[in-house]
C-alpha atoms as a PDB file:
ATOM      1  CA  MET A   1      35.658 138.545  11.042  1.00  0.00           C
ATOM      2  CA  ALA A   2      33.283 138.778  12.776  1.00  0.00           C
ATOM      3  CA  ARG A   3      29.676 140.038  11.643  1.00  0.00           C
ATOM      4  CA  ARG A   4      27.878 143.168  14.072  1.00  0.00           C
ATOM      5  CA  ARG A   5      24.137 142.338  14.250  1.00  0.00           C
ATOM      6  CA  GLN A   6      21.440 143.660  16.058  1.00  0.00           C
ATOM      7  CA  GLY A   7      20.805 140.872  19.514  1.00  0.00           C
ATOM      8  CA  TYR A   8      18.001 139.801  20.896  1.00  0.00           C
ATOM      9  CA  GLY A   9      17.410 142.583  23.473  1.00  0.00           C
ATOM     10  CA  GLY A  10      17.821 145.397  21.087  1.00  0.00           C
ATOM     11  CA  GLU A  11      22.111 145.917  21.490  1.00  0.00           C
ATOM     12  CA  THR A  12      24.218 145.576  19.276  1.00  0.00           C
ATOM     13  CA  LYS A  13      25.738 141.789  18.245  1.00  0.00           C
ATOM     14  CA  ILE A  14      28.711 140.093  17.503  1.00  0.00           C
ATOM     15  CA  MET A  15      28.458 136.904  15.875  1.00  0.00           C
ATOM     16  CA  LYS A  16      31.492 134.903  16.831  1.00  0.00           C
ATOM     17  CA  TYR A  17      30.125 131.595  14.272  1.00  0.00           C
ATOM     18  CA  LYS A  18      28.951 131.681  11.122  1.00  0.00           C
ATOM     19  CA  LYS A  19      27.638 127.577  11.591  1.00  0.00           C
ATOM     20  CA  VAL A  20      25.577 125.644  14.073  1.00  0.00           C
ATOM     21  CA  ILE A  21      26.066 122.712  13.916  1.00  0.00           C
ATOM     22  CA  PHE A  22      22.657 121.032  16.204  1.00  0.00           C
ATOM     23  CA  ASP A  23      21.721 117.311  17.428  1.00  0.00           C
ATOM     24  CA  LEU A  24      18.425 116.393  17.313  1.00  0.00           C
ATOM     25  CA  ASP A  25      17.250 114.045  19.858  1.00  0.00           C
ATOM     26  CA  SER A  26      16.836 115.249  23.278  1.00  0.00           C
ATOM     27  CA  THR A  27      18.447 118.955  21.814  1.00  0.00           C
ATOM     28  CA  LEU A  28      15.866 120.007  18.933  1.00  0.00           C
ATOM     29  CA  SER A  29      13.519 117.839  20.151  1.00  0.00           C
ATOM     30  CA  SER A  30      12.865 116.753  23.586  1.00  0.00           C
ATOM     31  CA  ILE A  31      12.325 113.156  23.393  1.00  0.00           C
ATOM     32  CA  GLU A  32      14.734 110.492  22.317  1.00  0.00           C
ATOM     33  CA  GLY A  33      12.886 108.805  18.736  1.00  0.00           C
ATOM     34  CA  ILE A  34      14.937 105.162  19.434  1.00  0.00           C
ATOM     35  CA  ASP A  35      12.891 105.436  22.968  1.00  0.00           C
ATOM     36  CA  GLU A  36       9.875 106.041  21.960  1.00  0.00           C
ATOM     37  CA  LEU A  37      10.475 103.222  18.953  1.00  0.00           C
ATOM     38  CA  GLY A  38      10.715 100.865  21.462  1.00  0.00           C
ATOM     39  CA  LYS A  39       7.381 102.124  23.575  1.00  0.00           C
ATOM     40  CA  LEU A  40       5.887 101.492  20.369  1.00  0.00           C
ATOM     41  CA  ARG A  41       7.467  97.459  20.789  1.00  0.00           C
ATOM     42  CA  ASN A  42       6.784  97.856  24.883  1.00  0.00           C
ATOM     43  CA  MET A  43      10.494  97.503  25.092  1.00  0.00           C
ATOM     44  CA  GLY A  44      10.931 101.281  26.718  1.00  0.00           C
ATOM     45  CA  GLU A  45      12.875 100.556  29.035  1.00  0.00           C
ATOM     46  CA  ARG A  46      15.528  98.127  27.839  1.00  0.00           C
ATOM     47  CA  ILE A  47      15.883 100.870  24.667  1.00  0.00           C
ATOM     48  CA  LYS A  48      15.963 103.229  27.374  1.00  0.00           C
ATOM     49  CA  SER A  49      19.147 101.587  28.619  1.00  0.00           C
ATOM     50  CA  LEU A  50      20.708 101.080  25.679  1.00  0.00           C
ATOM     51  CA  THR A  51      20.695 104.893  24.676  1.00  0.00           C
ATOM     52  CA  ARG A  52      21.951 105.812  27.692  1.00  0.00           C
ATOM     53  CA  GLN A  53      25.006 103.671  27.547  1.00  0.00           C
ATOM     54  CA  ALA A  54      25.869 105.204  23.764  1.00  0.00           C
ATOM     55  CA  MET A  55      25.289 108.460  25.103  1.00  0.00           C
ATOM     56  CA  SER A  56      26.857 108.774  28.088  1.00  0.00           C
ATOM     57  CA  GLY A  57      30.366 106.450  25.963  1.00  0.00           C
ATOM     58  CA  ARG A  58      29.735 103.367  28.372  1.00  0.00           C
ATOM     59  CA  MET A  59      29.327 101.341  25.151  1.00  0.00           C
ATOM     60  CA  PRO A  60      30.356 101.863  21.355  1.00  0.00           C
ATOM     61  CA  PHE A  61      27.643 103.421  19.515  1.00  0.00           C
ATOM     62  CA  GLY A  62      27.468 101.093  16.849  1.00  0.00           C
ATOM     63  CA  ARG A  63      26.968  97.922  18.203  1.00  0.00           C
ATOM     64  CA  VAL A  64      24.617  99.986  19.999  1.00  0.00           C
ATOM     65  CA  PHE A  65      22.832 101.237  17.131  1.00  0.00           C
ATOM     66  CA  ILE A  66      22.521  98.112  15.194  1.00  0.00           C
ATOM     67  CA  ARG A  67      21.321  95.984  18.110  1.00  0.00           C
ATOM     68  CA  ARG A  68      18.357  98.642  18.962  1.00  0.00           C
ATOM     69  CA  LEU A  69      17.200  98.221  14.835  1.00  0.00           C
ATOM     70  CA  GLU A  70      17.546  94.886  15.428  1.00  0.00           C
ATOM     71  CA  LEU A  71      15.090  94.362  18.538  1.00  0.00           C
ATOM     72  CA  ILE A  72      12.050  97.172  17.376  1.00  0.00           C
ATOM     73  CA  ARG A  73      12.448  96.503  13.140  1.00  0.00           C
ATOM     74  CA  PRO A  74      10.033  99.870  12.611  1.00  0.00           C
ATOM     75  CA  THR A  75       8.654  99.790   9.775  1.00  0.00           C
ATOM     76  CA  ARG A  76       8.101 102.800   7.706  1.00  0.00           C
ATOM     77  CA  SER A  77       4.795 104.325   9.012  1.00  0.00           C
ATOM     78  CA  GLU A  78       6.167 104.236  12.679  1.00  0.00           C
ATOM     79  CA  LEU A  79       9.033 106.170  11.828  1.00  0.00           C
ATOM     80  CA  LEU A  80       6.365 109.225  10.856  1.00  0.00           C
ATOM     81  CA  THR A  81       4.332 108.373  14.038  1.00  0.00           C
ATOM     82  CA  ILE A  82       7.838 109.410  16.335  1.00  0.00           C
ATOM     83  CA  GLY A  83       7.767 111.986  13.402  1.00  0.00           C
ATOM     84  CA  GLU A  84       5.677 113.889  14.339  1.00  0.00           C
ATOM     85  CA  LEU A  85       6.058 113.686  17.916  1.00  0.00           C
ATOM     86  CA  TYR A  86       9.386 115.105  17.262  1.00  0.00           C
ATOM     87  CA  LYS A  87       7.548 118.569  16.175  1.00  0.00           C
ATOM     88  CA  ASN A  88       5.135 118.465  19.136  1.00  0.00           C
ATOM     89  CA  SER A  89       7.499 117.963  21.727  1.00  0.00           C
ATOM     90  CA  VAL A  90       9.975 120.302  20.194  1.00  0.00           C
ATOM     91  CA  THR A  91      11.828 121.981  22.907  1.00  0.00           C
ATOM     92  CA  PRO A  92      10.769 125.170  24.172  1.00  0.00           C
ATOM     93  CA  GLY A  93      12.999 127.995  22.306  1.00  0.00           C
ATOM     94  CA  ALA A  94      14.086 125.682  19.209  1.00  0.00           C
ATOM     95  CA  PRO A  95      11.898 127.540  16.595  1.00  0.00           C
ATOM     96  CA  GLU A  96      13.115 131.299  18.185  1.00  0.00           C
ATOM     97  CA  LEU A  97      16.615 130.326  18.331  1.00  0.00           C
ATOM     98  CA  ILE A  98      16.204 128.821  14.359  1.00  0.00           C
ATOM     99  CA  ASN A  99      14.807 132.452  13.142  1.00  0.00           C
ATOM    100  CA  TRP A 100      17.024 134.094  15.147  1.00  0.00           C
ATOM    101  CA  LEU A 101      20.201 132.651  13.557  1.00  0.00           C
ATOM    102  CA  ARG A 102      18.588 132.341   9.926  1.00  0.00           C
ATOM    103  CA  ARG A 103      17.993 136.173  10.173  1.00  0.00           C
ATOM    104  CA  ARG A 104      21.419 137.265  11.087  1.00  0.00           C
ATOM    105  CA  GLY A 105      23.146 135.353   9.066  1.00  0.00           C
ATOM    106  CA  ALA A 106      24.089 131.848  10.267  1.00  0.00           C
ATOM    107  CA  ASN A 107      23.751 128.359   8.571  1.00  0.00           C
ATOM    108  CA  VAL A 108      22.216 126.632  11.136  1.00  0.00           C
ATOM    109  CA  PHE A 109      22.224 122.068  10.628  1.00  0.00           C
ATOM    110  CA  VAL A 110      21.345 119.215  11.937  1.00  0.00           C
ATOM    111  CA  VAL A 111      23.963 116.045  12.540  1.00  0.00           C
ATOM    112  CA  THR A 112      21.823 113.124  13.772  1.00  0.00           C
ATOM    113  CA  ALA A 113      21.933 109.343  14.760  1.00  0.00           C
ATOM    114  CA  GLY A 114      18.362 109.752  13.844  1.00  0.00           C
ATOM    115  CA  TYR A 115      16.556 108.577  10.319  1.00  0.00           C
ATOM    116  CA  THR A 116      15.606 110.481   7.495  1.00  0.00           C
ATOM    117  CA  ASP A 117      12.132 109.427   7.669  1.00  0.00           C
ATOM    118  CA  CYS A 118      11.143 111.257  10.834  1.00  0.00           C
ATOM    119  CA  SER A 119      13.627 113.553  11.656  1.00  0.00           C
ATOM    120  CA  TYR A 120      12.107 115.514   8.398  1.00  0.00           C
ATOM    121  CA  LEU A 121       9.263 116.467  10.131  1.00  0.00           C
ATOM    122  CA  LEU A 122      10.924 118.693  12.407  1.00  0.00           C
ATOM    123  CA  THR A 123      13.239 119.552  10.476  1.00  0.00           C
ATOM    124  CA  ASP A 124      11.186 121.295   8.014  1.00  0.00           C
ATOM    125  CA  TYR A 125       8.493 122.447  10.233  1.00  0.00           C
ATOM    126  CA  LEU A 126      11.581 124.816  11.550  1.00  0.00           C
ATOM    127  CA  GLU A 127      13.032 125.131   7.977  1.00  0.00           C
ATOM    128  CA  ILE A 128      16.227 124.221   8.010  1.00  0.00           C
ATOM    129  CA  PRO A 129      16.478 122.853   4.418  1.00  0.00           C
ATOM    130  CA  ARG A 130      17.143 119.366   3.718  1.00  0.00           C
ATOM    131  CA  GLN A 131      20.889 119.873   2.305  1.00  0.00           C
ATOM    132  CA  ASN A 132      21.285 120.964   5.805  1.00  0.00           C
ATOM    133  CA  VAL A 133      19.436 117.746   7.500  1.00  0.00           C
ATOM    134  CA  PHE A 134      22.458 114.711   7.862  1.00  0.00           C
ATOM    135  CA  ALA A 135      20.372 111.700   9.285  1.00  0.00           C
ATOM    136  CA  ASN A 136      20.787 107.654   8.839  1.00  0.00           C
ATOM    137  CA  ARG A 137      18.629 106.714   6.180  1.00  0.00           C
ATOM    138  CA  LEU A 138      15.965 103.086   7.285  1.00  0.00           C
ATOM    139  CA  ILE A 139      15.336 100.852   4.012  1.00  0.00           C
ATOM    140  CA  PHE A 140      11.944  98.909   3.586  1.00  0.00           C
ATOM    141  CA  ASP A 141      10.640  96.765   1.321  1.00  0.00           C
ATOM    142  CA  ALA A 142       7.770  98.139  -1.095  1.00  0.00           C
ATOM    143  CA  GLY A 143       5.240  97.257   2.121  1.00  0.00           C
ATOM    144  CA  GLY A 144       7.194  99.213   4.438  1.00  0.00           C
ATOM    145  CA  GLN A 145       9.016  96.951   6.285  1.00  0.00           C
ATOM    146  CA  PHE A 146      11.716  97.354   7.712  1.00  0.00           C
ATOM    147  CA  ILE A 147      15.045  95.945   6.168  1.00  0.00           C
ATOM    148  CA  GLY A 148      17.893  97.289   7.021  1.00  0.00           C
ATOM    149  CA  VAL A 149      20.134 100.526   7.721  1.00  0.00           C
ATOM    150  CA  ASP A 150      22.580 102.093   5.102  1.00  0.00           C
ATOM    151  CA  GLN A 151      25.761 102.021   6.120  1.00  0.00           C
ATOM    152  CA  ARG A 152      26.723 104.518   3.389  1.00  0.00           C
ATOM    153  CA  ILE A 153      25.720 107.297   5.536  1.00  0.00           C
ATOM    154  CA  PRO A 154      28.099 107.009   8.748  1.00  0.00           C
ATOM    155  CA  LEU A 155      26.199 107.929  11.024  1.00  0.00           C
ATOM    156  CA  TRP A 156      25.447 104.393  12.442  1.00  0.00           C
ATOM    157  CA  HIS A 157      28.065 104.268  13.636  1.00  0.00           C
ATOM    158  CA  GLY A 158      30.924 106.178  16.495  1.00  0.00           C
ATOM    159  CA  GLY A 159      32.597 108.773  15.000  1.00  0.00           C
ATOM    160  CA  GLY A 160      30.112 108.644  12.497  1.00  0.00           C
ATOM    161  CA  LYS A 161      29.538 112.349  13.323  1.00  0.00           C
ATOM    162  CA  ARG A 162      32.704 113.476  13.258  1.00  0.00           C
ATOM    163  CA  GLN A 163      32.956 112.519   9.625  1.00  0.00           C
ATOM    164  CA  VAL A 164      29.947 114.804   8.928  1.00  0.00           C
ATOM    165  CA  VAL A 165      30.979 117.614  10.732  1.00  0.00           C
ATOM    166  CA  SER A 166      34.377 117.815   8.928  1.00  0.00           C
ATOM    167  CA  LYS A 167      32.715 117.647   5.499  1.00  0.00           C
ATOM    168  CA  ILE A 168      30.190 120.427   6.503  1.00  0.00           C
ATOM    169  CA  MET A 169      32.888 122.582   7.535  1.00  0.00           C
ATOM    170  CA  ALA A 170      35.224 121.586   4.690  1.00  0.00           C
ATOM    171  CA  ALA A 171      32.458 122.758   2.008  1.00  0.00           C
ATOM    172  CA  HIS A 172      30.955 125.869   4.746  1.00  0.00           C
ATOM    173  CA  PRO A 173      33.745 128.486   5.401  1.00  0.00           C
ATOM    174  CA  GLY A 174      33.795 130.274   8.182  1.00  0.00           C
ATOM    175  CA  LYS A 175      33.767 129.606  12.467  1.00  0.00           C
ATOM    176  CA  THR A 176      31.488 126.428  13.735  1.00  0.00           C
ATOM    177  CA  ILE A 177      29.657 125.528  17.311  1.00  0.00           C
ATOM    178  CA  CYS A 178      28.641 122.030  17.554  1.00  0.00           C
ATOM    179  CA  VAL A 179      25.234 122.225  20.031  1.00  0.00           C
ATOM    180  CA  GLY A 180      23.990 119.015  21.465  1.00  0.00           C
ATOM    181  CA  ASP A 181      23.360 116.246  24.595  1.00  0.00           C
ATOM    182  CA  GLY A 182      25.608 112.695  23.997  1.00  0.00           C
ATOM    183  CA  ILE A 183      29.139 112.013  23.441  1.00  0.00           C
ATOM    184  CA  GLY A 184      29.195 112.062  20.210  1.00  0.00           C
ATOM    185  CA  ASP A 185      28.415 115.301  19.580  1.00  0.00           C
ATOM    186  CA  TRP A 186      30.899 116.004  21.722  1.00  0.00           C
ATOM    187  CA  GLU A 187      33.568 114.031  20.314  1.00  0.00           C
ATOM    188  CA  ALA A 188      32.318 116.128  16.849  1.00  0.00           C
ATOM    189  CA  ALA A 189      33.216 119.308  17.306  1.00  0.00           C
ATOM    190  CA  LYS A 190      36.749 118.621  18.024  1.00  0.00           C
ATOM    191  CA  VAL A 191      36.859 118.955  14.597  1.00  0.00           C
ATOM    192  CA  ALA A 192      35.087 122.567  15.092  1.00  0.00           C
ATOM    193  CA  ASP A 193      35.428 125.478  16.820  1.00  0.00           C
ATOM    194  CA  GLY A 194      33.760 125.174  19.800  1.00  0.00           C
ATOM    195  CA  PHE A 195      30.469 122.985  21.610  1.00  0.00           C
ATOM    196  CA  ILE A 196      28.014 123.764  23.782  1.00  0.00           C
ATOM    197  CA  TYR A 197      26.441 121.049  25.992  1.00  0.00           C
ATOM    198  CA  PHE A 198      22.847 121.298  26.231  1.00  0.00           C
ATOM    199  CA  GLY A 199      21.588 119.960  29.419  1.00  0.00           C
ATOM    200  CA  GLY A 200      18.625 121.431  29.367  1.00  0.00           C
ATOM    201  CA  VAL A 201      16.457 118.306  27.955  1.00  0.00           C
ATOM    202  CA  ALA A 202      18.333 114.937  29.784  1.00  0.00           C
ATOM    203  CA  TYR A 203      21.695 115.775  31.618  1.00  0.00           C
ATOM    204  CA  ARG A 204      24.664 113.264  31.384  1.00  0.00           C
ATOM    205  CA  PRO A 205      27.057 113.998  33.662  1.00  0.00           C
ATOM    206  CA  GLU A 206      29.950 112.683  31.875  1.00  0.00           C
ATOM    207  CA  VAL A 207      29.720 114.520  29.128  1.00  0.00           C
ATOM    208  CA  ALA A 208      28.779 117.936  30.534  1.00  0.00           C
ATOM    209  CA  ALA A 209      32.660 117.546  32.341  1.00  0.00           C
ATOM    210  CA  LYS A 210      33.888 117.653  28.874  1.00  0.00           C
ATOM    211  CA  ALA A 211      32.035 120.358  27.810  1.00  0.00           C
ATOM    212  CA  ASP A 212      33.358 124.412  28.215  1.00  0.00           C
ATOM    213  CA  ILE A 213      29.628 125.933  27.845  1.00  0.00           C
ATOM    214  CA  VAL A 214      27.054 124.157  29.515  1.00  0.00           C
ATOM    215  CA  ILE A 215      23.474 125.147  29.430  1.00  0.00           C
ATOM    216  CA  LYS A 216      21.064 123.243  32.502  1.00  0.00           C
ATOM    217  CA  GLU A 217      18.227 125.136  31.544  1.00  0.00           C
ATOM    218  CA  ARG A 218      15.340 123.993  29.245  1.00  0.00           C
ATOM    219  CA  ASN A 219      15.293 126.783  26.812  1.00  0.00           C
ATOM    220  CA  LEU A 220      17.292 126.897  23.905  1.00  0.00           C
ATOM    221  CA  LEU A 221      17.072 130.216  23.601  1.00  0.00           C
ATOM    222  CA  THR A 222      20.055 130.338  26.342  1.00  0.00           C
ATOM    223  CA  LEU A 223      22.050 129.507  23.172  1.00  0.00           C
ATOM    224  CA  ARG A 224      22.170 133.133  21.973  1.00  0.00           C
ATOM    225  CA  ARG A 225      24.817 134.188  24.579  1.00  0.00           C
ATOM    226  CA  TYR A 226      26.988 131.947  23.243  1.00  0.00           C
ATOM    227  CA  LEU A 227      26.656 132.246  20.157  1.00  0.00           C
END
């Protein structure tokens, strides 16, 4: 049974969802980390084009994921640079929304195809426990040079987010909603109880057309009325 809580405007608020699962890039942060890595290698437009094709569903995600890493081959130091960019580019309303959910007993998760080394800088800042953050892990040598990706984590390929969301739901009972901007977020939400398309940063018509709830405002606090 949904629990009655005090709302954000002083009114009584009934929480519809026990778990809220966020994407990270272009959702909790207003940048796409992989595109920013591409800029560091002077191939920003090339990487950005691949990202758009994957996020809209025009190219298989797993193929794009590997291709971008082959082109960029990021160092561990560069991932930390992107992590700082994540923090400095936090989407308006994200900290307030996370705190609002936490105060009302919701369990907040992040499921991203990004990388742990940079994702943690933002999720730590938002005070989301690391055990609730699911991201890809890149492998580096002793000098911090890129070797590969830990393929035991399914988030590097198409359908990976759906697998992780299924595991979260099995381990944590209660109604679940997913929030994101990409085709992978919509596909993952098929095993949840709802999907909110957040187009406040990057609007992708192909994905928005599939969602029951579409947010175009840039401020994440807009989501409160649906949660």
